[in-house]
Amino acid sequence: MNDNQLAVKETIIPGLFEIDLVLNGDSRGWFKENYQKQKMEALGLPKFEIVQNNFSFNAQIGVTRGLHAEPWEKFIAVANGKVFGAWVDLRKGPGFGKVLTIEITPGKAVFVPRGVANGYQTLEPNVTYTYLVNEHWSPDVKYVGVNLFDSALDINWPINKDQAIVSEKDAANPTLKDTQPLDPVRNS
């Protein structure tokens, strides 16, 4: 189970990186370095000063969350299970509206820059989704959302809208055409 190598590569969305993690395993299970600053930055990941670690437990298949663009960077992984991840660039400029999707498993992580909306859908029951951030959450934080099922985004969610489990708040997010492009500069 140790035949893979740590790899960091930038995606079609500038500043968004896909990370291949090394799973070291045996008959008991596996171990991974989920985030290793020195190694990952040497491979091209931006400097990232972590201030908070969050977990989202999702009991059912089809839980669909997002798409949110918060005013901080995120390093996303799963502790167990599998999710279909989707990102939409909401930053001002020629990349506005560009979409990327990646399946995230314990061997895959994603670094998301501020101004890029993040969403996911669980593909297995009992998924633990985790993310490191470089700003503290607060109820006063303002972020922008875009509708998960906006046809302009053309996201091919594995579980369709009628069977997805979505919060009322996320379902009410505006379409891309009604979303104001963001200035990705730090708010602090």
N, C-alpha and C. Protein backbone atom coordinates (compact mmCIF):
# COMPACT_ATOMS: atom_id res chain seq x y z
N MET A 1 0.82 -1.19 0.00
CA MET A 1 0.00 0.00 0.00
C MET A 1 0.87 1.27 0.00
N ASN A 2 2.16 1.14 -0.08
CA ASN A 2 3.05 2.30 -0.06
C ASN A 2 3.68 2.51 -1.43
N ASP A 3 2.91 2.35 -2.50
CA ASP A 3 3.48 2.49 -3.85
C ASP A 3 3.22 3.86 -4.46
N ASN A 4 2.57 4.76 -3.71
CA ASN A 4 2.33 6.10 -4.25
C ASN A 4 3.31 7.10 -3.63
N GLN A 5 3.40 8.27 -4.25
CA GLN A 5 4.31 9.32 -3.76
C GLN A 5 3.53 10.60 -3.54
N LEU A 6 3.98 11.39 -2.58
CA LEU A 6 3.40 12.69 -2.35
C LEU A 6 3.60 13.54 -3.60
N ALA A 7 2.52 14.16 -4.07
CA ALA A 7 2.60 15.01 -5.26
C ALA A 7 1.66 16.19 -5.09
N VAL A 8 2.08 17.35 -5.56
CA VAL A 8 1.29 18.58 -5.52
C VAL A 8 1.25 19.13 -6.93
N LYS A 9 0.04 19.36 -7.45
CA LYS A 9 -0.04 19.94 -8.79
C LYS A 9 -1.15 20.98 -8.85
N GLU A 10 -0.86 22.09 -9.53
CA GLU A 10 -1.87 23.13 -9.71
C GLU A 10 -2.87 22.66 -10.76
N THR A 11 -4.13 23.04 -10.55
CA THR A 11 -5.21 22.62 -11.44
C THR A 11 -5.50 23.72 -12.47
N ILE A 12 -6.60 23.56 -13.19
CA ILE A 12 -7.01 24.55 -14.18
C ILE A 12 -7.49 25.86 -13.54
N ILE A 13 -7.78 25.81 -12.24
CA ILE A 13 -8.14 27.03 -11.50
C ILE A 13 -6.87 27.51 -10.81
N PRO A 14 -6.35 28.67 -11.18
CA PRO A 14 -5.10 29.17 -10.59
C PRO A 14 -5.18 29.23 -9.06
N GLY A 15 -4.15 28.70 -8.41
CA GLY A 15 -4.07 28.71 -6.96
C GLY A 15 -4.77 27.55 -6.29
N LEU A 16 -5.51 26.73 -7.04
CA LEU A 16 -6.17 25.55 -6.49
C LEU A 16 -5.28 24.35 -6.82
N PHE A 17 -4.88 23.62 -5.78
CA PHE A 17 -3.93 22.52 -5.95
C PHE A 17 -4.56 21.19 -5.57
N GLU A 18 -4.23 20.16 -6.34
CA GLU A 18 -4.62 18.78 -6.05
C GLU A 18 -3.39 18.10 -5.44
N ILE A 19 -3.58 17.42 -4.32
CA ILE A 19 -2.48 16.79 -3.61
C ILE A 19 -2.71 15.29 -3.53
N ASP A 20 -1.75 14.51 -4.02
CA ASP A 20 -1.78 13.06 -3.86
C ASP A 20 -1.03 12.74 -2.58
N LEU A 21 -1.73 12.12 -1.63
CA LEU A 21 -1.15 11.78 -0.34
C LEU A 21 -0.66 10.33 -0.34
N VAL A 22 0.29 10.04 0.51
CA VAL A 22 0.82 8.69 0.64
C VAL A 22 0.07 7.97 1.75
N LEU A 23 -0.52 6.84 1.42
CA LEU A 23 -1.16 5.98 2.41
C LEU A 23 -0.21 4.82 2.70
N ASN A 24 0.21 4.69 3.95
CA ASN A 24 1.06 3.58 4.37
C ASN A 24 0.18 2.61 5.13
N GLY A 25 0.03 1.40 4.60
CA GLY A 25 -0.91 0.49 5.23
C GLY A 25 -0.42 -0.93 5.34
N ASP A 26 -1.13 -1.65 6.17
CA ASP A 26 -0.91 -3.09 6.33
C ASP A 26 -2.25 -3.71 6.71
N SER A 27 -2.24 -4.90 7.27
CA SER A 27 -3.48 -5.60 7.58
C SER A 27 -4.33 -4.88 8.63
N ARG A 28 -3.75 -3.94 9.37
CA ARG A 28 -4.49 -3.20 10.39
C ARG A 28 -5.25 -2.02 9.83
N GLY A 29 -4.81 -1.50 8.68
CA GLY A 29 -5.40 -0.29 8.11
C GLY A 29 -4.31 0.55 7.48
N TRP A 30 -4.42 1.88 7.59
CA TRP A 30 -3.43 2.76 6.98
C TRP A 30 -3.15 3.96 7.86
N PHE A 31 -2.04 4.65 7.53
CA PHE A 31 -1.61 5.89 8.17
C PHE A 31 -1.22 6.84 7.06
N LYS A 32 -1.50 8.14 7.26
CA LYS A 32 -1.06 9.14 6.28
C LYS A 32 -0.66 10.42 7.00
N GLU A 33 0.25 11.15 6.40
CA GLU A 33 0.51 12.53 6.80
C GLU A 33 -0.49 13.35 5.99
N ASN A 34 -1.54 13.81 6.63
CA ASN A 34 -2.59 14.52 5.93
C ASN A 34 -2.10 15.88 5.44
N TYR A 35 -1.33 16.56 6.27
CA TYR A 35 -0.74 17.83 5.89
C TYR A 35 0.66 17.89 6.48
N GLN A 36 1.65 18.11 5.62
CA GLN A 36 3.03 18.21 6.08
C GLN A 36 3.63 19.43 5.40
N LYS A 37 3.65 20.52 6.14
CA LYS A 37 4.02 21.84 5.62
C LYS A 37 5.31 21.85 4.82
N GLN A 38 6.39 21.38 5.40
CA GLN A 38 7.71 21.45 4.76
C GLN A 38 7.73 20.68 3.44
N LYS A 39 7.24 19.45 3.46
CA LYS A 39 7.26 18.62 2.24
C LYS A 39 6.36 19.20 1.16
N MET A 40 5.16 19.63 1.54
CA MET A 40 4.20 20.11 0.55
C MET A 40 4.61 21.46 -0.04
N GLU A 41 5.13 22.35 0.79
CA GLU A 41 5.60 23.63 0.26
C GLU A 41 6.79 23.44 -0.67
N ALA A 42 7.65 22.46 -0.37
CA ALA A 42 8.78 22.17 -1.26
C ALA A 42 8.30 21.69 -2.62
N LEU A 43 7.10 21.10 -2.68
CA LEU A 43 6.53 20.62 -3.94
C LEU A 43 5.64 21.66 -4.63
N GLY A 44 5.53 22.86 -4.04
CA GLY A 44 4.80 23.93 -4.72
C GLY A 44 3.53 24.42 -4.04
N LEU A 45 3.10 23.80 -2.95
CA LEU A 45 1.91 24.28 -2.25
C LEU A 45 2.22 25.65 -1.64
N PRO A 46 1.29 26.61 -1.72
CA PRO A 46 1.55 27.93 -1.12
C PRO A 46 1.74 27.83 0.39
N LYS A 47 2.45 28.83 0.94
CA LYS A 47 2.59 28.91 2.39
C LYS A 47 1.20 29.05 2.98
N PHE A 48 0.97 28.35 4.10
CA PHE A 48 -0.36 28.23 4.65
C PHE A 48 -0.23 28.15 6.17
N GLU A 49 -0.64 29.19 6.86
CA GLU A 49 -0.56 29.24 8.32
C GLU A 49 -1.90 28.82 8.91
N ILE A 50 -1.98 27.63 9.43
CA ILE A 50 -3.23 27.04 9.92
C ILE A 50 -3.60 27.64 11.27
N VAL A 51 -4.87 28.04 11.41
CA VAL A 51 -5.36 28.54 12.68
C VAL A 51 -6.57 27.74 13.20
N GLN A 52 -7.14 26.89 12.35
CA GLN A 52 -8.32 26.15 12.76
C GLN A 52 -8.42 24.87 11.95
N ASN A 53 -8.91 23.79 12.60
CA ASN A 53 -9.12 22.50 11.95
C ASN A 53 -10.58 22.13 12.15
N ASN A 54 -11.33 21.94 11.05
CA ASN A 54 -12.76 21.65 11.13
C ASN A 54 -13.07 20.27 10.56
N PHE A 55 -14.11 19.64 11.11
CA PHE A 55 -14.60 18.35 10.63
C PHE A 55 -16.08 18.47 10.34
N SER A 56 -16.51 17.81 9.29
CA SER A 56 -17.92 17.71 8.97
C SER A 56 -18.24 16.23 8.80
N PHE A 57 -19.08 15.70 9.69
CA PHE A 57 -19.48 14.30 9.58
C PHE A 57 -20.78 14.24 8.81
N ASN A 58 -20.85 13.33 7.85
CA ASN A 58 -22.01 13.19 6.97
C ASN A 58 -22.45 11.74 6.99
N ALA A 59 -23.59 11.47 7.61
CA ALA A 59 -24.04 10.10 7.82
C ALA A 59 -24.56 9.42 6.56
N GLN A 60 -25.13 10.18 5.64
CA GLN A 60 -25.81 9.59 4.49
C GLN A 60 -25.08 9.83 3.18
N ILE A 61 -25.32 8.94 2.23
CA ILE A 61 -24.88 9.15 0.86
C ILE A 61 -25.75 10.27 0.28
N GLY A 62 -25.14 11.17 -0.48
CA GLY A 62 -25.89 12.22 -1.15
C GLY A 62 -25.95 13.55 -0.42
N VAL A 63 -25.32 13.62 0.78
CA VAL A 63 -25.25 14.93 1.45
C VAL A 63 -24.45 15.84 0.53
N THR A 64 -25.03 16.99 0.21
CA THR A 64 -24.42 17.92 -0.75
C THR A 64 -24.34 19.29 -0.10
N ARG A 65 -23.11 19.80 0.03
CA ARG A 65 -22.87 21.06 0.74
C ARG A 65 -22.16 22.04 -0.17
N GLY A 66 -22.49 23.32 -0.02
CA GLY A 66 -21.80 24.36 -0.78
C GLY A 66 -22.77 25.06 -1.72
N LEU A 67 -22.27 25.68 -2.65
CA LEU A 67 -20.90 26.07 -2.97
C LEU A 67 -20.61 27.38 -2.25
N HIS A 68 -19.58 27.42 -1.40
CA HIS A 68 -19.25 28.59 -0.60
C HIS A 68 -17.84 29.07 -0.90
N ALA A 69 -17.68 30.38 -1.04
CA ALA A 69 -16.37 31.00 -1.18
C ALA A 69 -16.14 31.87 0.05
N GLU A 70 -15.38 31.34 0.99
CA GLU A 70 -15.10 32.07 2.22
C GLU A 70 -13.85 32.94 2.06
N PRO A 71 -13.65 33.89 2.98
CA PRO A 71 -12.49 34.76 2.90
C PRO A 71 -11.24 34.15 3.54
N TRP A 72 -10.95 32.90 3.24
CA TRP A 72 -9.75 32.23 3.72
C TRP A 72 -9.40 31.08 2.80
N GLU A 73 -8.18 30.57 2.95
CA GLU A 73 -7.77 29.38 2.20
C GLU A 73 -8.17 28.14 3.00
N LYS A 74 -8.32 27.03 2.28
CA LYS A 74 -8.70 25.75 2.90
C LYS A 74 -7.79 24.64 2.36
N PHE A 75 -7.46 23.71 3.23
CA PHE A 75 -6.80 22.47 2.83
C PHE A 75 -7.78 21.37 3.20
N ILE A 76 -8.34 20.71 2.18
CA ILE A 76 -9.45 19.78 2.34
C ILE A 76 -8.99 18.34 2.15
N ALA A 77 -9.51 17.45 3.00
CA ALA A 77 -9.26 16.02 2.87
C ALA A 77 -10.43 15.27 3.50
N VAL A 78 -10.44 13.96 3.35
CA VAL A 78 -11.39 13.13 4.09
C VAL A 78 -10.61 12.18 4.97
N ALA A 79 -11.13 11.97 6.18
CA ALA A 79 -10.52 11.00 7.08
C ALA A 79 -10.96 9.59 6.70
N ASN A 80 -12.17 9.50 6.19
CA ASN A 80 -12.70 8.23 5.70
C ASN A 80 -13.80 8.53 4.69
N GLY A 81 -14.01 7.58 3.80
CA GLY A 81 -15.07 7.72 2.81
C GLY A 81 -14.61 8.37 1.53
N LYS A 82 -15.60 8.79 0.75
CA LYS A 82 -15.31 9.35 -0.57
C LYS A 82 -16.34 10.43 -0.86
N VAL A 83 -15.85 11.57 -1.41
CA VAL A 83 -16.75 12.65 -1.82
C VAL A 83 -16.41 13.09 -3.24
N PHE A 84 -17.40 13.63 -3.89
CA PHE A 84 -17.24 14.30 -5.17
C PHE A 84 -17.13 15.78 -4.84
N GLY A 85 -15.96 16.37 -5.10
CA GLY A 85 -15.73 17.78 -4.80
C GLY A 85 -15.92 18.62 -6.04
N ALA A 86 -16.45 19.85 -5.84
CA ALA A 86 -16.64 20.79 -6.94
C ALA A 86 -16.20 22.17 -6.49
N TRP A 87 -15.53 22.88 -7.41
CA TRP A 87 -15.03 24.23 -7.12
C TRP A 87 -15.38 25.14 -8.28
N VAL A 88 -15.73 26.39 -7.93
CA VAL A 88 -16.06 27.40 -8.92
C VAL A 88 -15.26 28.66 -8.58
N ASP A 89 -14.52 29.15 -9.54
CA ASP A 89 -13.74 30.36 -9.35
C ASP A 89 -14.69 31.56 -9.37
N LEU A 90 -14.80 32.26 -8.25
CA LEU A 90 -15.67 33.44 -8.16
C LEU A 90 -14.87 34.73 -8.07
N ARG A 91 -13.57 34.64 -8.34
CA ARG A 91 -12.72 35.83 -8.29
C ARG A 91 -12.88 36.65 -9.56
N LYS A 92 -12.70 37.96 -9.40
CA LYS A 92 -12.73 38.85 -10.56
C LYS A 92 -11.67 38.41 -11.55
N GLY A 93 -11.98 38.50 -12.83
CA GLY A 93 -11.00 38.19 -13.85
C GLY A 93 -11.50 37.17 -14.85
N PRO A 94 -10.62 36.76 -15.76
CA PRO A 94 -11.02 35.88 -16.86
C PRO A 94 -11.41 34.47 -16.42
N GLY A 95 -11.02 34.05 -15.21
CA GLY A 95 -11.37 32.71 -14.73
C GLY A 95 -12.71 32.64 -14.04
N PHE A 96 -13.41 33.77 -13.90
CA PHE A 96 -14.70 33.79 -13.20
C PHE A 96 -15.64 32.76 -13.80
N GLY A 97 -16.15 31.88 -12.95
CA GLY A 97 -17.10 30.85 -13.39
C GLY A 97 -16.46 29.54 -13.80
N LYS A 98 -15.13 29.46 -13.85
CA LYS A 98 -14.47 28.21 -14.22
C LYS A 98 -14.74 27.15 -13.15
N VAL A 99 -15.04 25.93 -13.58
CA VAL A 99 -15.42 24.84 -12.68
C VAL A 99 -14.40 23.71 -12.75
N LEU A 100 -14.15 23.09 -11.61
CA LEU A 100 -13.29 21.91 -11.51
C LEU A 100 -13.96 20.91 -10.58
N THR A 101 -13.89 19.63 -10.91
CA THR A 101 -14.39 18.59 -10.02
C THR A 101 -13.31 17.53 -9.84
N ILE A 102 -13.24 17.00 -8.62
CA ILE A 102 -12.26 15.96 -8.27
C ILE A 102 -12.91 15.05 -7.22
N GLU A 103 -12.70 13.76 -7.33
CA GLU A 103 -13.14 12.84 -6.29
C GLU A 103 -12.08 12.82 -5.20
N ILE A 104 -12.50 13.05 -3.97
CA ILE A 104 -11.58 13.07 -2.83
C ILE A 104 -11.76 11.79 -2.01
N THR A 105 -10.67 11.10 -1.80
CA THR A 105 -10.59 9.89 -0.98
C THR A 105 -9.49 10.14 0.06
N PRO A 106 -9.24 9.20 0.98
CA PRO A 106 -8.16 9.43 1.94
C PRO A 106 -6.79 9.68 1.29
N GLY A 107 -6.58 9.28 0.07
CA GLY A 107 -5.31 9.48 -0.63
C GLY A 107 -5.25 10.74 -1.48
N LYS A 108 -6.26 11.60 -1.39
CA LYS A 108 -6.34 12.81 -2.22
C LYS A 108 -6.77 13.97 -1.34
N ALA A 109 -6.11 15.12 -1.50
CA ALA A 109 -6.48 16.35 -0.80
C ALA A 109 -6.51 17.49 -1.80
N VAL A 110 -7.10 18.62 -1.39
CA VAL A 110 -7.22 19.78 -2.27
C VAL A 110 -6.95 21.04 -1.45
N PHE A 111 -6.15 21.94 -2.01
CA PHE A 111 -5.92 23.27 -1.42
C PHE A 111 -6.74 24.26 -2.22
N VAL A 112 -7.59 25.04 -1.53
CA VAL A 112 -8.51 25.97 -2.17
C VAL A 112 -8.15 27.40 -1.78
N PRO A 113 -7.86 28.27 -2.76
CA PRO A 113 -7.57 29.67 -2.44
C PRO A 113 -8.85 30.43 -2.11
N ARG A 114 -8.69 31.54 -1.37
CA ARG A 114 -9.85 32.39 -1.07
C ARG A 114 -10.44 32.89 -2.39
N GLY A 115 -11.76 33.01 -2.40
CA GLY A 115 -12.44 33.48 -3.61
C GLY A 115 -12.89 32.37 -4.54
N VAL A 116 -12.54 31.13 -4.21
CA VAL A 116 -12.99 29.98 -5.00
C VAL A 116 -14.02 29.23 -4.17
N ALA A 117 -15.22 29.08 -4.71
CA ALA A 117 -16.30 28.40 -4.00
C ALA A 117 -16.04 26.91 -3.95
N ASN A 118 -16.35 26.33 -2.81
CA ASN A 118 -16.11 24.92 -2.54
C ASN A 118 -17.43 24.22 -2.22
N GLY A 119 -17.63 23.04 -2.78
CA GLY A 119 -18.78 22.22 -2.46
C GLY A 119 -18.43 20.76 -2.60
N TYR A 120 -19.25 19.91 -1.99
CA TYR A 120 -19.01 18.47 -2.13
C TYR A 120 -20.29 17.67 -1.94
N GLN A 121 -20.22 16.42 -2.40
CA GLN A 121 -21.33 15.49 -2.27
C GLN A 121 -20.77 14.15 -1.79
N THR A 122 -21.37 13.59 -0.74
CA THR A 122 -20.88 12.32 -0.21
C THR A 122 -21.29 11.16 -1.12
N LEU A 123 -20.34 10.27 -1.36
CA LEU A 123 -20.58 9.11 -2.22
C LEU A 123 -20.67 7.82 -1.43
N GLU A 124 -20.42 7.91 -0.14
CA GLU A 124 -20.50 6.76 0.77
C GLU A 124 -21.14 7.25 2.08
N PRO A 125 -21.69 6.33 2.88
CA PRO A 125 -22.21 6.75 4.18
C PRO A 125 -21.06 7.00 5.16
N ASN A 126 -21.34 7.78 6.19
CA ASN A 126 -20.42 8.01 7.30
C ASN A 126 -19.08 8.58 6.86
N VAL A 127 -19.13 9.66 6.09
CA VAL A 127 -17.92 10.32 5.60
C VAL A 127 -17.51 11.41 6.60
N THR A 128 -16.23 11.44 6.93
CA THR A 128 -15.68 12.52 7.74
C THR A 128 -14.81 13.38 6.85
N TYR A 129 -15.29 14.59 6.59
CA TYR A 129 -14.66 15.58 5.72
C TYR A 129 -13.95 16.56 6.65
N THR A 130 -12.70 16.85 6.37
CA THR A 130 -11.94 17.73 7.25
C THR A 130 -11.26 18.83 6.45
N TYR A 131 -11.14 20.00 7.08
CA TYR A 131 -10.44 21.07 6.39
C TYR A 131 -9.72 21.98 7.38
N LEU A 132 -8.52 22.33 7.00
CA LEU A 132 -7.68 23.27 7.73
C LEU A 132 -7.90 24.64 7.11
N VAL A 133 -7.94 25.69 7.92
CA VAL A 133 -8.13 27.04 7.40
C VAL A 133 -7.11 28.00 8.02
N ASN A 134 -6.89 29.12 7.36
CA ASN A 134 -5.92 30.09 7.85
C ASN A 134 -6.56 31.35 8.42
N GLU A 135 -7.85 31.31 8.69
CA GLU A 135 -8.56 32.40 9.38
C GLU A 135 -9.59 31.74 10.30
N HIS A 136 -9.90 32.40 11.40
CA HIS A 136 -10.89 31.86 12.33
C HIS A 136 -12.30 32.09 11.82
N TRP A 137 -13.14 31.08 12.02
CA TRP A 137 -14.55 31.22 11.70
C TRP A 137 -15.21 32.11 12.75
N SER A 138 -16.21 32.85 12.32
CA SER A 138 -16.99 33.71 13.20
C SER A 138 -18.38 33.82 12.59
N PRO A 139 -19.41 33.97 13.41
CA PRO A 139 -20.76 34.13 12.84
C PRO A 139 -20.90 35.42 12.03
N ASP A 140 -19.96 36.35 12.20
CA ASP A 140 -20.02 37.61 11.47
C ASP A 140 -19.33 37.56 10.11
N VAL A 141 -18.65 36.45 9.81
CA VAL A 141 -17.92 36.33 8.55
C VAL A 141 -18.91 36.29 7.39
N LYS A 142 -18.62 37.08 6.40
CA LYS A 142 -19.46 37.12 5.19
C LYS A 142 -18.79 36.28 4.11
N TYR A 143 -19.56 35.43 3.48
CA TYR A 143 -19.03 34.67 2.35
C TYR A 143 -20.07 34.63 1.26
N VAL A 144 -19.62 34.26 0.07
CA VAL A 144 -20.49 34.24 -1.10
C VAL A 144 -20.79 32.79 -1.46
N GLY A 145 -22.01 32.54 -1.82
CA GLY A 145 -22.40 31.22 -2.28
C GLY A 145 -22.90 31.29 -3.71
N VAL A 146 -22.85 30.15 -4.37
CA VAL A 146 -23.43 30.04 -5.71
C VAL A 146 -24.19 28.71 -5.72
N ASN A 147 -25.29 28.67 -6.46
CA ASN A 147 -26.17 27.51 -6.44
C ASN A 147 -25.49 26.25 -6.97
N LEU A 148 -25.56 25.19 -6.17
CA LEU A 148 -24.95 23.90 -6.51
C LEU A 148 -25.42 23.35 -7.85
N PHE A 149 -26.68 23.61 -8.17
CA PHE A 149 -27.28 22.99 -9.36
C PHE A 149 -27.56 24.00 -10.47
N ASP A 150 -26.86 25.13 -10.45
CA ASP A 150 -27.01 26.13 -11.52
C ASP A 150 -26.59 25.48 -12.84
N SER A 151 -27.46 25.48 -13.82
CA SER A 151 -27.15 24.84 -15.11
C SER A 151 -25.97 25.50 -15.82
N ALA A 152 -25.71 26.77 -15.52
CA ALA A 152 -24.57 27.47 -16.14
C ALA A 152 -23.23 26.86 -15.69
N LEU A 153 -23.22 26.26 -14.51
CA LEU A 153 -21.98 25.64 -14.00
C LEU A 153 -21.74 24.28 -14.64
N ASP A 154 -22.80 23.61 -15.03
CA ASP A 154 -22.72 22.30 -15.69
C ASP A 154 -21.93 21.28 -14.87
N ILE A 155 -22.19 21.26 -13.54
CA ILE A 155 -21.54 20.27 -12.67
C ILE A 155 -22.32 18.97 -12.77
N ASN A 156 -21.62 17.91 -13.08
CA ASN A 156 -22.25 16.60 -13.24
C ASN A 156 -22.21 15.85 -11.90
N TRP A 157 -23.07 16.28 -10.96
CA TRP A 157 -23.12 15.65 -9.65
C TRP A 157 -23.50 14.18 -9.80
N PRO A 158 -22.81 13.27 -9.13
CA PRO A 158 -23.13 11.84 -9.24
C PRO A 158 -24.55 11.51 -8.76
N ILE A 159 -25.01 12.25 -7.75
CA ILE A 159 -26.36 12.05 -7.22
C ILE A 159 -27.17 13.29 -7.61
N ASN A 160 -28.26 13.09 -8.35
CA ASN A 160 -28.98 14.23 -8.91
C ASN A 160 -29.68 15.06 -7.85
N LYS A 161 -30.10 16.22 -8.26
CA LYS A 161 -30.71 17.22 -7.37
C LYS A 161 -31.90 16.65 -6.59
N ASP A 162 -32.71 15.81 -7.23
CA ASP A 162 -33.90 15.26 -6.58
C ASP A 162 -33.58 14.30 -5.45
N GLN A 163 -32.39 13.70 -5.48
CA GLN A 163 -32.01 12.74 -4.44
C GLN A 163 -30.95 13.28 -3.49
N ALA A 164 -30.41 14.45 -3.79
CA ALA A 164 -29.37 15.05 -2.95
C ALA A 164 -29.99 15.59 -1.66
N ILE A 165 -29.21 15.56 -0.60
CA ILE A 165 -29.62 16.11 0.69
C ILE A 165 -28.92 17.46 0.83
N VAL A 166 -29.71 18.55 0.71
CA VAL A 166 -29.17 19.90 0.65
C VAL A 166 -29.89 20.77 1.69
N SER A 167 -29.14 21.63 2.37
CA SER A 167 -29.76 22.54 3.33
C SER A 167 -30.58 23.60 2.58
N GLU A 168 -31.56 24.17 3.26
CA GLU A 168 -32.37 25.24 2.66
C GLU A 168 -31.48 26.43 2.30
N LYS A 169 -30.52 26.73 3.17
CA LYS A 169 -29.62 27.86 2.93
C LYS A 169 -28.81 27.66 1.64
N ASP A 170 -28.24 26.46 1.45
CA ASP A 170 -27.46 26.19 0.25
C ASP A 170 -28.35 26.17 -1.00
N ALA A 171 -29.55 25.63 -0.87
CA ALA A 171 -30.48 25.58 -2.01
C ALA A 171 -30.88 26.98 -2.46
N ALA A 172 -30.80 27.96 -1.55
CA ALA A 172 -31.20 29.33 -1.87
C ALA A 172 -30.05 30.17 -2.43
N ASN A 173 -28.87 29.60 -2.57
CA ASN A 173 -27.74 30.36 -3.13
C ASN A 173 -28.09 30.85 -4.53
N PRO A 174 -27.59 32.03 -4.92
CA PRO A 174 -27.90 32.58 -6.23
C PRO A 174 -27.20 31.83 -7.37
N THR A 175 -27.66 32.07 -8.56
CA THR A 175 -27.00 31.50 -9.74
C THR A 175 -25.72 32.29 -10.01
N LEU A 176 -24.88 31.76 -10.88
CA LEU A 176 -23.63 32.42 -11.21
C LEU A 176 -23.87 33.81 -11.78
N LYS A 177 -24.86 33.95 -12.65
CA LYS A 177 -25.11 35.25 -13.28
C LYS A 177 -25.54 36.29 -12.26
N ASP A 178 -26.03 35.86 -11.10
CA ASP A 178 -26.45 36.79 -10.05
C ASP A 178 -25.41 36.91 -8.93
N THR A 179 -24.22 36.38 -9.17
CA THR A 179 -23.15 36.41 -8.17
C THR A 179 -22.13 37.48 -8.54
N GLN A 180 -21.83 38.32 -7.60
CA GLN A 180 -20.84 39.39 -7.81
C GLN A 180 -19.43 38.81 -7.71
N PRO A 181 -18.57 39.02 -8.71
CA PRO A 181 -17.19 38.54 -8.62
C PRO A 181 -16.48 39.11 -7.39
N LEU A 182 -15.62 38.29 -6.80
CA LEU A 182 -14.94 38.66 -5.55
C LEU A 182 -13.53 39.19 -5.80
N ASP A 183 -13.12 40.09 -4.95
CA ASP A 183 -11.73 40.51 -4.91
C ASP A 183 -11.05 39.57 -3.92
N PRO A 184 -10.10 38.75 -4.36
CA PRO A 184 -9.54 37.72 -3.49
C PRO A 184 -8.54 38.20 -2.45
N VAL A 185 -8.39 39.51 -2.28
CA VAL A 185 -7.41 39.98 -1.30
C VAL A 185 -7.89 39.70 0.11
N ARG A 186 -6.93 39.55 0.99
CA ARG A 186 -7.18 39.24 2.38
C ARG A 186 -7.99 40.36 3.04
N ASN A 187 -8.97 39.99 3.87
CA ASN A 187 -9.83 40.96 4.53
C ASN A 187 -9.20 41.57 5.78
N SER A 188 -8.14 41.01 6.30
CA SER A 188 -7.57 41.49 7.55
C SER A 188 -6.52 42.54 7.33
